[in-house]
Amino acid sequence: MNTKAEKKQKIRYRIRKKISGSSAKPRLSVFRSNADIYVQLIDDNEGKTLASASSRDKDIAAQKGTKSEKSKLVGAAIARKATELGISAVIFDRGGNLYHGRVKNVAEGAREGGLQF
């Protein structure tokens, strides 16, 4: 019997088989823990993280609101960092999570911030 974690890892592998980020169009990877949410812009060709943001960043953690509201702020923060790096298009990697709730809010926040995927 597969555990929940093993099932999620299988989904992650299935997604990663199909998508890969480059320096021109990096992968926007989302990691969701119970308390926080973390996003990274990853160049898979170089194996480097170009930028990152999380709900633990000082400016976001200081704000009041639900985890979903903070997720939207994280999406906007990563979009801001991406535009500073001259990146306008990304490939979204939901990291084995359903595209719903906090993961969806990150995507919406990033889109509103000017990222295209």
PDB file of N, CA and C in Angstrom:
ATOM      1  N   MET A   1       0.839  -1.194   0.000  1.00  0.00           N
ATOM      2  CA  MET A   1       0.000   0.000   0.000  1.00  0.00           C
ATOM      3  C   MET A   1       0.878   1.250   0.000  1.00  0.00           C
ATOM      4  N   ASN A   2       0.615   2.165  -0.928  1.00  0.00           N
ATOM      5  CA  ASN A   2       1.374   3.401  -1.016  1.00  0.00           C
ATOM      6  C   ASN A   2       0.898   4.405   0.025  1.00  0.00           C
ATOM      7  N   THR A   3       1.844   5.064   0.658  1.00  0.00           N
ATOM      8  CA  THR A   3       1.462   6.119   1.592  1.00  0.00           C
ATOM      9  C   THR A   3       1.129   7.377   0.797  1.00  0.00           C
ATOM     10  N   LYS A   4       0.552   8.346   1.483  1.00  0.00           N
ATOM     11  CA  LYS A   4       0.197   9.606   0.846  1.00  0.00           C
ATOM     12  C   LYS A   4       1.440  10.293   0.275  1.00  0.00           C
ATOM     13  N   ALA A   5       2.540  10.248   1.032  1.00  0.00           N
ATOM     14  CA  ALA A   5       3.791  10.871   0.592  1.00  0.00           C
ATOM     15  C   ALA A   5       4.342  10.200  -0.664  1.00  0.00           C
ATOM     16  N   GLU A   6       4.247   8.865  -0.725  1.00  0.00           N
ATOM     17  CA  GLU A   6       4.733   8.142  -1.902  1.00  0.00           C
ATOM     18  C   GLU A   6       3.898   8.472  -3.135  1.00  0.00           C
ATOM     19  N   LYS A   7       2.591   8.583  -2.951  1.00  0.00           N
ATOM     20  CA  LYS A   7       1.717   8.942  -4.066  1.00  0.00           C
ATOM     21  C   LYS A   7       2.050  10.326  -4.596  1.00  0.00           C
ATOM     22  N   LYS A   8       2.276  11.269  -3.658  1.00  0.00           N
ATOM     23  CA  LYS A   8       2.601  12.635  -4.044  1.00  0.00           C
ATOM     24  C   LYS A   8       3.932  12.674  -4.788  1.00  0.00           C
ATOM     25  N   GLN A   9       4.903  11.880  -4.349  1.00  0.00           N
ATOM     26  CA  GLN A   9       6.211  11.835  -5.001  1.00  0.00           C
ATOM     27  C   GLN A   9       6.090  11.282  -6.419  1.00  0.00           C
ATOM     28  N   LYS A  10       5.215  10.281  -6.612  1.00  0.00           N
ATOM     29  CA  LYS A  10       4.986   9.734  -7.949  1.00  0.00           C
ATOM     30  C   LYS A  10       4.413  10.795  -8.880  1.00  0.00           C
ATOM     31  N   ILE A  11       3.467  11.586  -8.356  1.00  0.00           N
ATOM     32  CA  ILE A  11       2.873  12.672  -9.136  1.00  0.00           C
ATOM     33  C   ILE A  11       3.954  13.688  -9.488  1.00  0.00           C
ATOM     34  N   ARG A  12       4.817  14.011  -8.503  1.00  0.00           N
ATOM     35  CA  ARG A  12       5.914  14.960  -8.719  1.00  0.00           C
ATOM     36  C   ARG A  12       6.812  14.488  -9.858  1.00  0.00           C
ATOM     37  N   TYR A  13       7.182  13.208  -9.843  1.00  0.00           N
ATOM     38  CA  TYR A  13       8.034  12.659 -10.899  1.00  0.00           C
ATOM     39  C   TYR A  13       7.343  12.731 -12.259  1.00  0.00           C
ATOM     40  N   ARG A  14       6.048  12.447 -12.278  1.00  0.00           N
ATOM     41  CA  ARG A  14       5.283  12.474 -13.519  1.00  0.00           C
ATOM     42  C   ARG A  14       5.272  13.887 -14.117  1.00  0.00           C
ATOM     43  N   ILE A  15       5.120  14.887 -13.246  1.00  0.00           N
ATOM     44  CA  ILE A  15       5.115  16.282 -13.706  1.00  0.00           C
ATOM     45  C   ILE A  15       6.508  16.663 -14.219  1.00  0.00           C
ATOM     46  N   ARG A  16       7.549  16.307 -13.450  1.00  0.00           N
ATOM     47  CA  ARG A  16       8.911  16.708 -13.789  1.00  0.00           C
ATOM     48  C   ARG A  16       9.430  16.034 -15.059  1.00  0.00           C
ATOM     49  N   LYS A  17       8.817  14.902 -15.423  1.00  0.00           N
ATOM     50  CA  LYS A  17       9.198  14.228 -16.657  1.00  0.00           C
ATOM     51  C   LYS A  17       8.826  15.090 -17.866  1.00  0.00           C
ATOM     52  N   LYS A  18       7.736  15.851 -17.712  1.00  0.00           N
ATOM     53  CA  LYS A  18       7.211  16.629 -18.828  1.00  0.00           C
ATOM     54  C   LYS A  18       7.737  18.053 -18.891  1.00  0.00           C
ATOM     55  N   ILE A  19       8.076  18.650 -17.736  1.00  0.00           N
ATOM     56  CA  ILE A  19       8.469  20.058 -17.741  1.00  0.00           C
ATOM     57  C   ILE A  19       9.892  20.258 -17.247  1.00  0.00           C
ATOM     58  N   SER A  20      10.524  21.297 -17.801  1.00  0.00           N
ATOM     59  CA  SER A  20      11.882  21.641 -17.413  1.00  0.00           C
ATOM     60  C   SER A  20      12.074  23.134 -17.649  1.00  0.00           C
ATOM     61  N   GLY A  21      12.780  23.800 -16.736  1.00  0.00           N
ATOM     62  CA  GLY A  21      12.984  25.231 -16.850  1.00  0.00           C
ATOM     63  C   GLY A  21      14.327  25.567 -17.452  1.00  0.00           C
ATOM     64  N   SER A  22      14.396  26.706 -18.133  1.00  0.00           N
ATOM     65  CA  SER A  22      15.650  27.209 -18.682  1.00  0.00           C
ATOM     66  C   SER A  22      15.891  28.602 -18.109  1.00  0.00           C
ATOM     67  N   SER A  23      17.015  29.218 -18.474  1.00  0.00           N
ATOM     68  CA  SER A  23      17.287  30.557 -17.952  1.00  0.00           C
ATOM     69  C   SER A  23      16.320  31.570 -18.552  1.00  0.00           C
ATOM     70  N   ALA A  24      15.871  31.344 -19.795  1.00  0.00           N
ATOM     71  CA  ALA A  24      14.909  32.256 -20.431  1.00  0.00           C
ATOM     72  C   ALA A  24      13.501  32.050 -19.879  1.00  0.00           C
ATOM     73  N   LYS A  25      13.147  30.790 -19.625  1.00  0.00           N
ATOM     74  CA  LYS A  25      11.814  30.464 -19.112  1.00  0.00           C
ATOM     75  C   LYS A  25      11.972  29.476 -17.962  1.00  0.00           C
ATOM     76  N   PRO A  26      12.243  29.982 -16.741  1.00  0.00           N
ATOM     77  CA  PRO A  26      12.494  29.083 -15.611  1.00  0.00           C
ATOM     78  C   PRO A  26      11.234  28.395 -15.100  1.00  0.00           C
ATOM     79  N   ARG A  27      11.465  27.377 -14.273  1.00  0.00           N
ATOM     80  CA  ARG A  27      10.362  26.632 -13.664  1.00  0.00           C
ATOM     81  C   ARG A  27       9.997  27.296 -12.348  1.00  0.00           C
ATOM     82  N   LEU A  28       8.711  27.602 -12.178  1.00  0.00           N
ATOM     83  CA  LEU A  28       8.200  28.175 -10.929  1.00  0.00           C
ATOM     84  C   LEU A  28       7.713  27.014 -10.076  1.00  0.00           C
ATOM     85  N   SER A  29       8.563  26.591  -9.134  1.00  0.00           N
ATOM     86  CA  SER A  29       8.277  25.431  -8.311  1.00  0.00           C
ATOM     87  C   SER A  29       7.627  25.849  -7.000  1.00  0.00           C
ATOM     88  N   VAL A  30       6.548  25.160  -6.622  1.00  0.00           N
ATOM     89  CA  VAL A  30       5.809  25.479  -5.398  1.00  0.00           C
ATOM     90  C   VAL A  30       5.971  24.341  -4.403  1.00  0.00           C
ATOM     91  N   PHE A  31       6.338  24.678  -3.164  1.00  0.00           N
ATOM     92  CA  PHE A  31       6.360  23.708  -2.071  1.00  0.00           C
ATOM     93  C   PHE A  31       5.425  24.214  -0.986  1.00  0.00           C
ATOM     94  N   ARG A  32       4.522  23.351  -0.567  1.00  0.00           N
ATOM     95  CA  ARG A  32       3.513  23.748   0.411  1.00  0.00           C
ATOM     96  C   ARG A  32       3.669  22.884   1.645  1.00  0.00           C
ATOM     97  N   SER A  33       3.988  23.519   2.778  1.00  0.00           N
ATOM     98  CA  SER A  33       3.991  22.793   4.044  1.00  0.00           C
ATOM     99  C   SER A  33       2.665  23.110   4.736  1.00  0.00           C
ATOM    100  N   ASN A  34       2.441  22.529   5.910  1.00  0.00           N
ATOM    101  CA  ASN A  34       1.188  22.802   6.605  1.00  0.00           C
ATOM    102  C   ASN A  34       1.063  24.271   6.985  1.00  0.00           C
ATOM    103  N   ALA A  35       2.173  24.889   7.375  1.00  0.00           N
ATOM    104  CA  ALA A  35       2.122  26.261   7.878  1.00  0.00           C
ATOM    105  C   ALA A  35       2.470  27.301   6.822  1.00  0.00           C
ATOM    106  N   ASP A  36       3.412  26.991   5.940  1.00  0.00           N
ATOM    107  CA  ASP A  36       3.944  27.993   5.018  1.00  0.00           C
ATOM    108  C   ASP A  36       3.903  27.511   3.580  1.00  0.00           C
ATOM    109  N   ILE A  37       4.255  28.443   2.664  1.00  0.00           N
ATOM    110  CA  ILE A  37       4.357  28.096   1.249  1.00  0.00           C
ATOM    111  C   ILE A  37       5.625  28.743   0.700  1.00  0.00           C
ATOM    112  N   TYR A  38       6.345  28.004  -0.128  1.00  0.00           N
ATOM    113  CA  TYR A  38       7.627  28.452  -0.662  1.00  0.00           C
ATOM    114  C   TYR A  38       7.587  28.318  -2.181  1.00  0.00           C
ATOM    115  N   VAL A  39       8.156  29.293  -2.898  1.00  0.00           N
ATOM    116  CA  VAL A  39       8.252  29.212  -4.359  1.00  0.00           C
ATOM    117  C   VAL A  39       9.678  29.536  -4.786  1.00  0.00           C
ATOM    118  N   GLN A  40      10.103  28.904  -5.877  1.00  0.00           N
ATOM    119  CA  GLN A  40      11.434  29.141  -6.429  1.00  0.00           C
ATOM    120  C   GLN A  40      11.351  29.238  -7.934  1.00  0.00           C
ATOM    121  N   LEU A  41      12.195  30.094  -8.512  1.00  0.00           N
ATOM    122  CA  LEU A  41      12.396  30.114  -9.954  1.00  0.00           C
ATOM    123  C   LEU A  41      13.667  29.322 -10.212  1.00  0.00           C
ATOM    124  N   ILE A  42      13.553  28.221 -10.951  1.00  0.00           N
ATOM    125  CA  ILE A  42      14.678  27.292 -11.114  1.00  0.00           C
ATOM    126  C   ILE A  42      15.058  27.160 -12.589  1.00  0.00           C
ATOM    127  N   ASP A  43      16.362  27.299 -12.853  1.00  0.00           N
ATOM    128  CA  ASP A  43      16.928  27.032 -14.174  1.00  0.00           C
ATOM    129  C   ASP A  43      17.458  25.599 -14.131  1.00  0.00           C
ATOM    130  N   ASP A  44      16.728  24.674 -14.743  1.00  0.00           N
ATOM    131  CA  ASP A  44      17.098  23.256 -14.669  1.00  0.00           C
ATOM    132  C   ASP A  44      18.337  22.925 -15.496  1.00  0.00           C
ATOM    133  N   ASN A  45      18.624  23.713 -16.538  1.00  0.00           N
ATOM    134  CA  ASN A  45      19.820  23.457 -17.346  1.00  0.00           C
ATOM    135  C   ASN A  45      21.084  23.671 -16.519  1.00  0.00           C
ATOM    136  N   GLU A  46      21.106  24.734 -15.729  1.00  0.00           N
ATOM    137  CA  GLU A  46      22.251  25.052 -14.874  1.00  0.00           C
ATOM    138  C   GLU A  46      22.145  24.394 -13.503  1.00  0.00           C
ATOM    139  N   GLY A  47      20.918  24.013 -13.115  1.00  0.00           N
ATOM    140  CA  GLY A  47      20.689  23.463 -11.788  1.00  0.00           C
ATOM    141  C   GLY A  47      20.772  24.539 -10.713  1.00  0.00           C
ATOM    142  N   LYS A  48      20.303  25.751 -11.040  1.00  0.00           N
ATOM    143  CA  LYS A  48      20.409  26.867 -10.111  1.00  0.00           C
ATOM    144  C   LYS A  48      19.049  27.476  -9.810  1.00  0.00           C
ATOM    145  N   THR A  49      18.899  27.973  -8.584  1.00  0.00           N
ATOM    146  CA  THR A  49      17.719  28.740  -8.200  1.00  0.00           C
ATOM    147  C   THR A  49      17.999  30.194  -8.514  1.00  0.00           C
ATOM    148  N   LEU A  50      17.136  30.807  -9.344  1.00  0.00           N
ATOM    149  CA  LEU A  50      17.333  32.194  -9.748  1.00  0.00           C
ATOM    150  C   LEU A  50      16.749  33.161  -8.729  1.00  0.00           C
ATOM    151  N   ALA A  51      15.604  32.804  -8.155  1.00  0.00           N
ATOM    152  CA  ALA A  51      14.948  33.659  -7.154  1.00  0.00           C
ATOM    153  C   ALA A  51      14.024  32.792  -6.323  1.00  0.00           C
ATOM    154  N   SER A  52      13.718  33.277  -5.111  1.00  0.00           N
ATOM    155  CA  SER A  52      12.791  32.536  -4.268  1.00  0.00           C
ATOM    156  C   SER A  52      11.997  33.503  -3.408  1.00  0.00           C
ATOM    157  N   ALA A  53      10.848  33.027  -2.941  1.00  0.00           N
ATOM    158  CA  ALA A  53      10.006  33.802  -2.033  1.00  0.00           C
ATOM    159  C   ALA A  53       9.236  32.813  -1.176  1.00  0.00           C
ATOM    160  N   SER A  54       8.851  33.249   0.015  1.00  0.00           N
ATOM    161  CA  SER A  54       8.065  32.368   0.868  1.00  0.00           C
ATOM    162  C   SER A  54       7.205  33.190   1.805  1.00  0.00           C
ATOM    163  N   SER A  55       6.276  32.516   2.461  1.00  0.00           N
ATOM    164  CA  SER A  55       5.396  33.184   3.411  1.00  0.00           C
ATOM    165  C   SER A  55       6.149  33.501   4.702  1.00  0.00           C
ATOM    166  N   ARG A  56       7.408  33.076   4.799  1.00  0.00           N
ATOM    167  CA  ARG A  56       8.228  33.381   5.977  1.00  0.00           C
ATOM    168  C   ARG A  56       9.072  34.631   5.783  1.00  0.00           C
ATOM    169  N   ASP A  57       9.072  35.204   4.563  1.00  0.00           N
ATOM    170  CA  ASP A  57       9.787  36.465   4.343  1.00  0.00           C
ATOM    171  C   ASP A  57       9.223  37.523   5.276  1.00  0.00           C
ATOM    172  N   LYS A  58      10.089  38.406   5.759  1.00  0.00           N
ATOM    173  CA  LYS A  58       9.693  39.379   6.780  1.00  0.00           C
ATOM    174  C   LYS A  58       8.474  40.212   6.397  1.00  0.00           C
ATOM    175  N   ASP A  59       8.464  40.749   5.158  1.00  0.00           N
ATOM    176  CA  ASP A  59       7.365  41.617   4.758  1.00  0.00           C
ATOM    177  C   ASP A  59       6.028  40.877   4.652  1.00  0.00           C
ATOM    178  N   ILE A  60       6.062  39.595   4.281  1.00  0.00           N
ATOM    179  CA  ILE A  60       4.824  38.810   4.151  1.00  0.00           C
ATOM    180  C   ILE A  60       4.391  38.260   5.509  1.00  0.00           C
ATOM    181  N   ALA A  61       5.351  37.764   6.299  1.00  0.00           N
ATOM    182  CA  ALA A  61       5.026  37.189   7.608  1.00  0.00           C
ATOM    183  C   ALA A  61       4.449  38.240   8.551  1.00  0.00           C
ATOM    184  N   ALA A  62       4.837  39.508   8.362  1.00  0.00           N
ATOM    185  CA  ALA A  62       4.365  40.580   9.245  1.00  0.00           C
ATOM    186  C   ALA A  62       2.897  40.919   9.004  1.00  0.00           C
ATOM    187  N   GLN A  63       2.386  40.555   7.830  1.00  0.00           N
ATOM    188  CA  GLN A  63       1.013  40.910   7.487  1.00  0.00           C
ATOM    189  C   GLN A  63       0.023  39.944   8.116  1.00  0.00           C
ATOM    190  N   LYS A  64      -1.136  40.484   8.461  1.00  0.00           N
ATOM    191  CA  LYS A  64      -2.216  39.659   8.999  1.00  0.00           C
ATOM    192  C   LYS A  64      -2.987  39.059   7.816  1.00  0.00           C
ATOM    193  N   GLY A  65      -3.572  37.897   8.037  1.00  0.00           N
ATOM    194  CA  GLY A  65      -4.376  37.285   6.985  1.00  0.00           C
ATOM    195  C   GLY A  65      -4.293  35.778   7.036  1.00  0.00           C
ATOM    196  N   THR A  66      -5.123  35.155   6.235  1.00  0.00           N
ATOM    197  CA  THR A  66      -5.142  33.693   6.179  1.00  0.00           C
ATOM    198  C   THR A  66      -3.947  33.197   5.366  1.00  0.00           C
ATOM    199  N   LYS A  67      -3.717  31.886   5.415  1.00  0.00           N
ATOM    200  CA  LYS A  67      -2.627  31.296   4.642  1.00  0.00           C
ATOM    201  C   LYS A  67      -2.864  31.505   3.149  1.00  0.00           C
ATOM    202  N   SER A  68      -4.136  31.466   2.728  1.00  0.00           N
ATOM    203  CA  SER A  68      -4.458  31.666   1.316  1.00  0.00           C
ATOM    204  C   SER A  68      -4.131  33.088   0.875  1.00  0.00           C
ATOM    205  N   GLU A  69      -4.426  34.068   1.725  1.00  0.00           N
ATOM    206  CA  GLU A  69      -4.128  35.466   1.389  1.00  0.00           C
ATOM    207  C   GLU A  69      -2.620  35.678   1.309  1.00  0.00           C
ATOM    208  N   LYS A  70      -1.885  35.045   2.224  1.00  0.00           N
ATOM    209  CA  LYS A  70      -0.430  35.169   2.208  1.00  0.00           C
ATOM    210  C   LYS A  70       0.152  34.492   0.964  1.00  0.00           C
ATOM    211  N   SER A  71      -0.489  33.424   0.504  1.00  0.00           N
ATOM    212  CA  SER A  71      -0.029  32.731  -0.696  1.00  0.00           C
ATOM    213  C   SER A  71      -0.078  33.648  -1.908  1.00  0.00           C
ATOM    214  N   LYS A  72      -1.114  34.451  -1.979  1.00  0.00           N
ATOM    215  CA  LYS A  72      -1.248  35.396  -3.090  1.00  0.00           C
ATOM    216  C   LYS A  72      -0.121  36.431  -3.038  1.00  0.00           C
ATOM    217  N   LEU A  73       0.237  36.858  -1.819  1.00  0.00           N
ATOM    218  CA  LEU A  73       1.335  37.812  -1.646  1.00  0.00           C
ATOM    219  C   LEU A  73       2.674  37.188  -2.062  1.00  0.00           C
ATOM    220  N   VAL A  74       2.841  35.896  -1.782  1.00  0.00           N
ATOM    221  CA  VAL A  74       4.060  35.187  -2.183  1.00  0.00           C
ATOM    222  C   VAL A  74       4.152  35.158  -3.704  1.00  0.00           C
ATOM    223  N   GLY A  75       3.025  34.906  -4.373  1.00  0.00           N
ATOM    224  CA  GLY A  75       2.993  34.911  -5.840  1.00  0.00           C
ATOM    225  C   GLY A  75       3.372  36.270  -6.403  1.00  0.00           C
ATOM    226  N   ALA A  76       2.853  37.335  -5.790  1.00  0.00           N
ATOM    227  CA  ALA A  76       3.183  38.689  -6.240  1.00  0.00           C
ATOM    228  C   ALA A  76       4.662  38.999  -5.996  1.00  0.00           C
ATOM    229  N   ALA A  77       5.204  38.516  -4.863  1.00  0.00           N
ATOM    230  CA  ALA A  77       6.611  38.757  -4.529  1.00  0.00           C
ATOM    231  C   ALA A  77       7.545  38.080  -5.529  1.00  0.00           C
ATOM    232  N   ILE A  78       7.233  36.840  -5.915  1.00  0.00           N
ATOM    233  CA  ILE A  78       8.100  36.136  -6.871  1.00  0.00           C
ATOM    234  C   ILE A  78       7.996  36.785  -8.246  1.00  0.00           C
ATOM    235  N   ALA A  79       6.813  37.303  -8.586  1.00  0.00           N
ATOM    236  CA  ALA A  79       6.650  37.998  -9.865  1.00  0.00           C
ATOM    237  C   ALA A  79       7.495  39.268  -9.890  1.00  0.00           C
ATOM    238  N   ARG A  80       7.519  39.978  -8.762  1.00  0.00           N
ATOM    239  CA  ARG A  80       8.326  41.198  -8.654  1.00  0.00           C
ATOM    240  C   ARG A  80       9.818  40.876  -8.833  1.00  0.00           C
ATOM    241  N   LYS A  81      10.274  39.810  -8.169  1.00  0.00           N
ATOM    242  CA  LYS A  81      11.686  39.415  -8.269  1.00  0.00           C
ATOM    243  C   LYS A  81      12.021  38.957  -9.687  1.00  0.00           C
ATOM    244  N   ALA A  82      11.075  38.284 -10.337  1.00  0.00           N
ATOM    245  CA  ALA A  82      11.312  37.798 -11.704  1.00  0.00           C
ATOM    246  C   ALA A  82      11.439  38.963 -12.683  1.00  0.00           C
ATOM    247  N   THR A  83      10.580  39.976 -12.543  1.00  0.00           N
ATOM    248  CA  THR A  83      10.658  41.115 -13.450  1.00  0.00           C
ATOM    249  C   THR A  83      11.962  41.885 -13.241  1.00  0.00           C
ATOM    250  N   GLU A  84      12.464  41.925 -11.995  1.00  0.00           N
ATOM    251  CA  GLU A  84      13.770  42.560 -11.735  1.00  0.00           C
ATOM    252  C   GLU A  84      14.889  41.816 -12.455  1.00  0.00           C
ATOM    253  N   LEU A  85      14.733  40.497 -12.603  1.00  0.00           N
ATOM    254  CA  LEU A  85      15.724  39.682 -13.317  1.00  0.00           C
ATOM    255  C   LEU A  85      15.482  39.678 -14.829  1.00  0.00           C
ATOM    256  N   GLY A  86      14.408  40.335 -15.267  1.00  0.00           N
ATOM    257  CA  GLY A  86      14.087  40.382 -16.690  1.00  0.00           C
ATOM    258  C   GLY A  86      13.376  39.145 -17.187  1.00  0.00           C
ATOM    259  N   ILE A  87      12.688  38.445 -16.290  1.00  0.00           N
ATOM    260  CA  ILE A  87      11.953  37.227 -16.666  1.00  0.00           C
ATOM    261  C   ILE A  87      10.461  37.553 -16.716  1.00  0.00           C
ATOM    262  N   SER A  88       9.811  37.226 -17.841  1.00  0.00           N
ATOM    263  CA  SER A  88       8.381  37.508 -17.957  1.00  0.00           C
ATOM    264  C   SER A  88       7.548  36.245 -18.108  1.00  0.00           C
ATOM    265  N   ALA A  89       8.180  35.146 -18.542  1.00  0.00           N
ATOM    266  CA  ALA A  89       7.452  33.892 -18.750  1.00  0.00           C
ATOM    267  C   ALA A  89       8.086  32.780 -17.919  1.00  0.00           C
ATOM    268  N   VAL A  90       7.244  31.946 -17.303  1.00  0.00           N
ATOM    269  CA  VAL A  90       7.716  30.823 -16.496  1.00  0.00           C
ATOM    270  C   VAL A  90       6.892  29.576 -16.802  1.00  0.00           C
ATOM    271  N   ILE A  91       7.384  28.441 -16.335  1.00  0.00           N
ATOM    272  CA  ILE A  91       6.654  27.175 -16.424  1.00  0.00           C
ATOM    273  C   ILE A  91       6.216  26.837 -15.004  1.00  0.00           C
ATOM    274  N   PHE A  92       4.925  26.652 -14.782  1.00  0.00           N
ATOM    275  CA  PHE A  92       4.402  26.434 -13.436  1.00  0.00           C
ATOM    276  C   PHE A  92       4.509  24.969 -13.045  1.00  0.00           C
ATOM    277  N   ASP A  93       5.108  24.718 -11.876  1.00  0.00           N
ATOM    278  CA  ASP A  93       5.258  23.366 -11.339  1.00  0.00           C
ATOM    279  C   ASP A  93       4.548  23.325  -9.987  1.00  0.00           C
ATOM    280  N   ARG A  94       3.405  22.643  -9.946  1.00  0.00           N
ATOM    281  CA  ARG A  94       2.595  22.638  -8.728  1.00  0.00           C
ATOM    282  C   ARG A  94       3.139  21.673  -7.674  1.00  0.00           C
ATOM    283  N   GLY A  95       4.192  20.971  -7.988  1.00  0.00           N
ATOM    284  CA  GLY A  95       4.906  20.145  -7.027  1.00  0.00           C
ATOM    285  C   GLY A  95       4.089  19.006  -6.436  1.00  0.00           C
ATOM    286  N   GLY A  96       3.208  18.407  -7.221  1.00  0.00           N
ATOM    287  CA  GLY A  96       2.427  17.271  -6.725  1.00  0.00           C
ATOM    288  C   GLY A  96       1.174  17.674  -5.972  1.00  0.00           C
ATOM    289  N   ASN A  97       0.968  18.984  -5.774  1.00  0.00           N
ATOM    290  CA  ASN A  97      -0.253  19.452  -5.107  1.00  0.00           C
ATOM    291  C   ASN A  97      -1.348  19.665  -6.135  1.00  0.00           C
ATOM    292  N   LEU A  98      -2.578  19.638  -5.673  1.00  0.00           N
ATOM    293  CA  LEU A  98      -3.690  19.960  -6.553  1.00  0.00           C
ATOM    294  C   LEU A  98      -3.664  21.448  -6.848  1.00  0.00           C
ATOM    295  N   TYR A  99      -4.078  21.816  -8.074  1.00  0.00           N
ATOM    296  CA  TYR A  99      -4.157  23.241  -8.433  1.00  0.00           C
ATOM    297  C   TYR A  99      -5.440  23.784  -7.818  1.00  0.00           C
ATOM    298  N   HIS A 100      -5.341  24.112  -6.535  1.00  0.00           N
ATOM    299  CA  HIS A 100      -6.518  24.517  -5.768  1.00  0.00           C
ATOM    300  C   HIS A 100      -6.033  25.198  -4.501  1.00  0.00           C
ATOM    301  N   GLY A 101      -6.792  26.107  -3.970  1.00  0.00           N
ATOM    302  CA  GLY A 101      -6.455  26.713  -2.685  1.00  0.00           C
ATOM    303  C   GLY A 101      -5.193  27.546  -2.736  1.00  0.00           C
ATOM    304  N   ARG A 102      -4.240  27.217  -1.848  1.00  0.00           N
ATOM    305  CA  ARG A 102      -3.017  28.021  -1.720  1.00  0.00           C
ATOM    306  C   ARG A 102      -2.143  27.979  -2.967  1.00  0.00           C
ATOM    307  N   VAL A 103      -2.064  26.818  -3.622  1.00  0.00           N
ATOM    308  CA  VAL A 103      -1.256  26.698  -4.830  1.00  0.00           C
ATOM    309  C   VAL A 103      -1.856  27.561  -5.941  1.00  0.00           C
ATOM    310  N   LYS A 104      -3.170  27.544  -6.047  1.00  0.00           N
ATOM    311  CA  LYS A 104      -3.859  28.367  -7.053  1.00  0.00           C
ATOM    312  C   LYS A 104      -3.664  29.854  -6.753  1.00  0.00           C
ATOM    313  N   ASN A 105      -3.686  30.226  -5.468  1.00  0.00           N
ATOM    314  CA  ASN A 105      -3.486  31.626  -5.097  1.00  0.00           C
ATOM    315  C   ASN A 105      -2.085  32.116  -5.442  1.00  0.00           C
ATOM    316  N   VAL A 106      -1.085  31.254  -5.299  1.00  0.00           N
ATOM    317  CA  VAL A 106       0.272  31.627  -5.700  1.00  0.00           C
ATOM    318  C   VAL A 106       0.288  31.931  -7.195  1.00  0.00           C
ATOM    319  N   ALA A 107      -0.336  31.060  -7.986  1.00  0.00           N
ATOM    320  CA  ALA A 107      -0.383  31.238  -9.439  1.00  0.00           C
ATOM    321  C   ALA A 107      -1.106  32.536  -9.811  1.00  0.00           C
ATOM    322  N   GLU A 108      -2.238  32.796  -9.144  1.00  0.00           N
ATOM    323  CA  GLU A 108      -2.989  34.018  -9.437  1.00  0.00           C
ATOM    324  C   GLU A 108      -2.188  35.258  -9.063  1.00  0.00           C
ATOM    325  N   GLY A 109      -1.518  35.216  -7.906  1.00  0.00           N
ATOM    326  CA  GLY A 109      -0.685  36.341  -7.478  1.00  0.00           C
ATOM    327  C   GLY A 109       0.455  36.610  -8.452  1.00  0.00           C
ATOM    328  N   ALA A 110       1.067  35.539  -8.959  1.00  0.00           N
ATOM    329  CA  ALA A 110       2.160  35.675  -9.916  1.00  0.00           C
ATOM    330  C   ALA A 110       1.652  36.236 -11.249  1.00  0.00           C
ATOM    331  N   ARG A 111       0.471  35.773 -11.671  1.00  0.00           N
ATOM    332  CA  ARG A 111      -0.108  36.295 -12.925  1.00  0.00           C
ATOM    333  C   ARG A 111      -0.429  37.775 -12.799  1.00  0.00           C
ATOM    334  N   GLU A 112      -1.017  38.166 -11.653  1.00  0.00           N
ATOM    335  CA  GLU A 112      -1.338  39.571 -11.432  1.00  0.00           C
ATOM    336  C   GLU A 112      -0.068  40.424 -11.367  1.00  0.00           C
ATOM    337  N   GLY A 113       1.023  39.815 -10.928  1.00  0.00           N
ATOM    338  CA  GLY A 113       2.310  40.505 -10.866  1.00  0.00           C
ATOM    339  C   GLY A 113       2.980  40.627 -12.222  1.00  0.00           C
ATOM    340  N   GLY A 114       2.435  40.002 -13.247  1.00  0.00           N
ATOM    341  CA  GLY A 114       2.956  40.161 -14.606  1.00  0.00           C
ATOM    342  C   GLY A 114       3.631  38.938 -15.193  1.00  0.00           C
ATOM    343  N   LEU A 115       3.658  37.820 -14.470  1.00  0.00           N
ATOM    344  CA  LEU A 115       4.268  36.609 -15.034  1.00  0.00           C
ATOM    345  C   LEU A 115       3.276  35.897 -15.948  1.00  0.00           C
ATOM    346  N   GLN A 116       3.797  35.282 -16.992  1.00  0.00           N
ATOM    347  CA  GLN A 116       2.948  34.529 -17.917  1.00  0.00           C
ATOM    348  C   GLN A 116       3.337  33.059 -17.887  1.00  0.00           C
ATOM    349  N   PHE A 117       2.322  32.191 -17.783  1.00  0.00           N
ATOM    350  CA  PHE A 117       2.545  30.735 -17.883  1.00  0.00           C
ATOM    351  C   PHE A 117       1.332  30.039 -18.405  1.00  0.00           C
TER     352      PHE A 117
END
